[in-house]
Amino acid sequence: MLADALLRSVAGTTALFRVTGANTDTNMSELGLVATTFADVVVSPVVMRKLRPTWQEGGEPTWELLVSATGVQQQISAMDLPSAQSLFSMTLAVAVAGQDYLIESVSSSEAFGQVYLYRLLLREARQQAV
């Protein structure tokens, strides 16, 4: 709860995790006969900041998203998932303030054996011309 209070006190906001839905008939979905479903999962509180870039030719800026473990745990329980890692692995994009980002890596901070904060390294999702 201390991490939640800290994230809220520094202008914490919400993030939308765009996740894939589970299809019940795997044979039909493997053949492409059943469309993949998507859902937006709201996780709060989160704080986002831009990391200092190291100078690289053509390098993209990276962002850090600090996510409350209790917010993640609420969504894990609601979606009946086994772990936070399963939620992060099925996340296709993270939307914060209308901008989409892709997850580069995930780490967690623990105290007394309990996770209290997740740190996601993100990069901007670029629109590709077809």
Protein backbone atom coordinates (compact mmCIF):
# COMPACT_ATOMS: atom_id res chain seq x y z
CA MET A 1 0.00 0.00 0.00
CA LEU A 2 2.96 2.31 0.53
CA ALA A 3 3.95 1.97 -3.14
CA ASP A 4 0.37 2.81 -4.17
CA ALA A 5 0.40 5.95 -2.03
CA LEU A 6 3.76 6.99 -3.42
CA LEU A 7 2.67 6.48 -7.04
CA ARG A 8 -0.55 8.42 -6.46
CA SER A 9 1.25 11.28 -4.72
CA VAL A 10 3.55 11.87 -7.71
CA ALA A 11 0.66 12.34 -10.15
CA GLY A 12 -0.01 8.67 -10.76
CA THR A 13 -2.29 7.82 -13.65
CA THR A 14 -3.75 4.73 -15.30
CA ALA A 15 -2.42 2.53 -18.07
CA LEU A 16 -4.32 0.32 -20.50
CA PHE A 17 -2.76 -3.07 -21.19
CA ARG A 18 -4.03 -4.34 -24.56
CA VAL A 19 -4.13 -8.11 -24.12
CA THR A 20 -5.18 -11.02 -26.28
CA GLY A 21 -8.29 -12.90 -25.25
CA ALA A 22 -8.34 -16.63 -24.78
CA ASN A 23 -10.19 -18.60 -27.45
CA THR A 24 -12.00 -21.70 -26.25
CA ASP A 25 -11.61 -23.73 -29.44
CA THR A 26 -7.87 -23.95 -30.13
CA ASN A 27 -8.25 -26.02 -33.32
CA MET A 28 -10.50 -23.42 -34.93
CA SER A 29 -8.29 -20.52 -33.84
CA GLU A 30 -5.14 -22.25 -35.11
CA LEU A 31 -6.70 -22.48 -38.54
CA GLY A 32 -7.71 -18.83 -38.45
CA LEU A 33 -11.42 -19.59 -38.48
CA VAL A 34 -12.02 -17.82 -35.17
CA ALA A 35 -10.91 -14.21 -34.86
CA THR A 36 -8.54 -13.32 -32.06
CA THR A 37 -10.18 -11.13 -29.43
CA PHE A 38 -8.52 -8.24 -27.65
CA ALA A 39 -9.30 -6.51 -24.38
CA ASP A 40 -8.06 -3.39 -22.62
CA VAL A 41 -7.10 -4.02 -19.00
CA VAL A 42 -6.92 -0.93 -16.77
CA VAL A 43 -4.04 -0.90 -14.27
CA SER A 44 -3.64 1.88 -11.73
CA PRO A 45 -1.68 3.64 -10.25
CA VAL A 46 1.26 3.95 -12.63
CA VAL A 47 3.94 6.57 -13.18
CA MET A 48 5.80 7.02 -16.44
CA ARG A 49 9.06 8.80 -17.14
CA LYS A 50 11.43 9.17 -20.05
CA LEU A 51 14.84 7.64 -19.48
CA ARG A 52 17.94 9.58 -20.38
CA PRO A 53 18.96 8.56 -23.86
CA THR A 54 22.46 7.47 -24.63
CA TRP A 55 23.56 8.96 -27.90
CA GLN A 56 23.10 6.47 -30.69
CA GLU A 57 22.54 7.15 -34.35
CA GLY A 58 18.87 6.42 -35.04
CA GLY A 59 18.23 5.38 -31.44
CA GLU A 60 14.69 5.50 -30.08
CA PRO A 61 13.86 6.97 -26.69
CA THR A 62 12.97 4.51 -23.96
CA TRP A 63 10.46 4.99 -21.20
CA GLU A 64 10.06 3.54 -17.74
CA LEU A 65 6.64 2.63 -16.39
CA LEU A 66 6.36 2.01 -12.66
CA VAL A 67 3.30 -0.11 -11.93
CA SER A 68 1.74 -0.88 -8.57
CA ALA A 69 1.83 -4.57 -7.69
CA THR A 70 -1.62 -4.36 -6.08
CA GLY A 71 -3.08 -2.98 -9.32
CA VAL A 72 -1.51 -5.85 -11.25
CA GLN A 73 -2.69 -8.37 -8.66
CA GLN A 74 -6.29 -7.14 -8.98
CA GLN A 75 -6.21 -7.76 -12.74
CA ILE A 76 -4.53 -11.16 -12.32
CA SER A 77 -7.35 -12.21 -9.98
CA ALA A 78 -10.06 -10.80 -12.26
CA MET A 79 -8.64 -12.55 -15.33
CA ASP A 80 -7.84 -15.78 -13.41
CA LEU A 81 -4.18 -15.79 -14.48
CA PRO A 82 -1.43 -17.75 -12.70
CA SER A 83 1.11 -14.89 -12.40
CA ALA A 84 2.00 -11.33 -13.28
CA GLN A 85 4.44 -12.63 -15.88
CA SER A 86 1.55 -14.25 -17.76
CA LEU A 87 -0.26 -10.89 -17.84
CA PHE A 88 2.83 -9.12 -19.17
CA SER A 89 3.50 -11.83 -21.76
CA MET A 90 -0.01 -11.60 -23.22
CA THR A 91 0.15 -7.79 -23.38
CA LEU A 92 0.54 -6.57 -26.95
CA ALA A 93 0.76 -2.85 -26.16
CA VAL A 94 0.55 -0.47 -23.22
CA ALA A 95 -1.38 2.78 -23.70
CA VAL A 96 -0.64 5.77 -21.47
CA ALA A 97 -2.21 9.17 -22.20
CA GLY A 98 -3.32 8.01 -25.65
CA GLN A 99 0.15 6.89 -26.78
CA ASP A 100 0.94 3.21 -27.43
CA TYR A 101 4.16 1.60 -26.21
CA LEU A 102 5.71 -1.85 -26.55
CA ILE A 103 7.20 -3.72 -23.60
CA GLU A 104 10.96 -4.26 -23.84
CA SER A 105 11.54 -5.85 -20.41
CA VAL A 106 9.92 -6.32 -17.02
CA SER A 107 11.50 -6.37 -13.58
CA SER A 108 10.09 -6.28 -10.07
CA SER A 109 11.04 -4.81 -6.71
CA GLU A 110 10.49 -6.84 -3.56
CA ALA A 111 10.44 -6.21 0.18
CA PHE A 112 10.22 -9.09 2.69
CA GLY A 113 9.53 -11.54 -0.13
CA GLN A 114 6.56 -9.58 -1.52
CA VAL A 115 6.56 -7.74 -4.85
CA TYR A 116 5.43 -4.15 -4.39
CA LEU A 117 6.37 -2.58 -7.73
CA TYR A 118 6.89 -3.62 -11.35
CA ARG A 119 9.23 -1.71 -13.65
CA LEU A 120 8.48 -1.95 -17.36
CA LEU A 121 10.91 -0.64 -19.95
CA LEU A 122 8.93 0.57 -22.95
CA ARG A 123 9.55 1.97 -26.40
CA GLU A 124 7.14 3.89 -28.57
CA ALA A 125 5.04 1.87 -30.99
CA ARG A 126 5.51 3.32 -34.44
CA GLN A 127 2.82 3.16 -37.09
CA GLN A 128 4.05 1.14 -40.06
CA ALA A 129 3.01 1.97 -43.60
CA VAL A 130 1.63 -1.00 -45.51
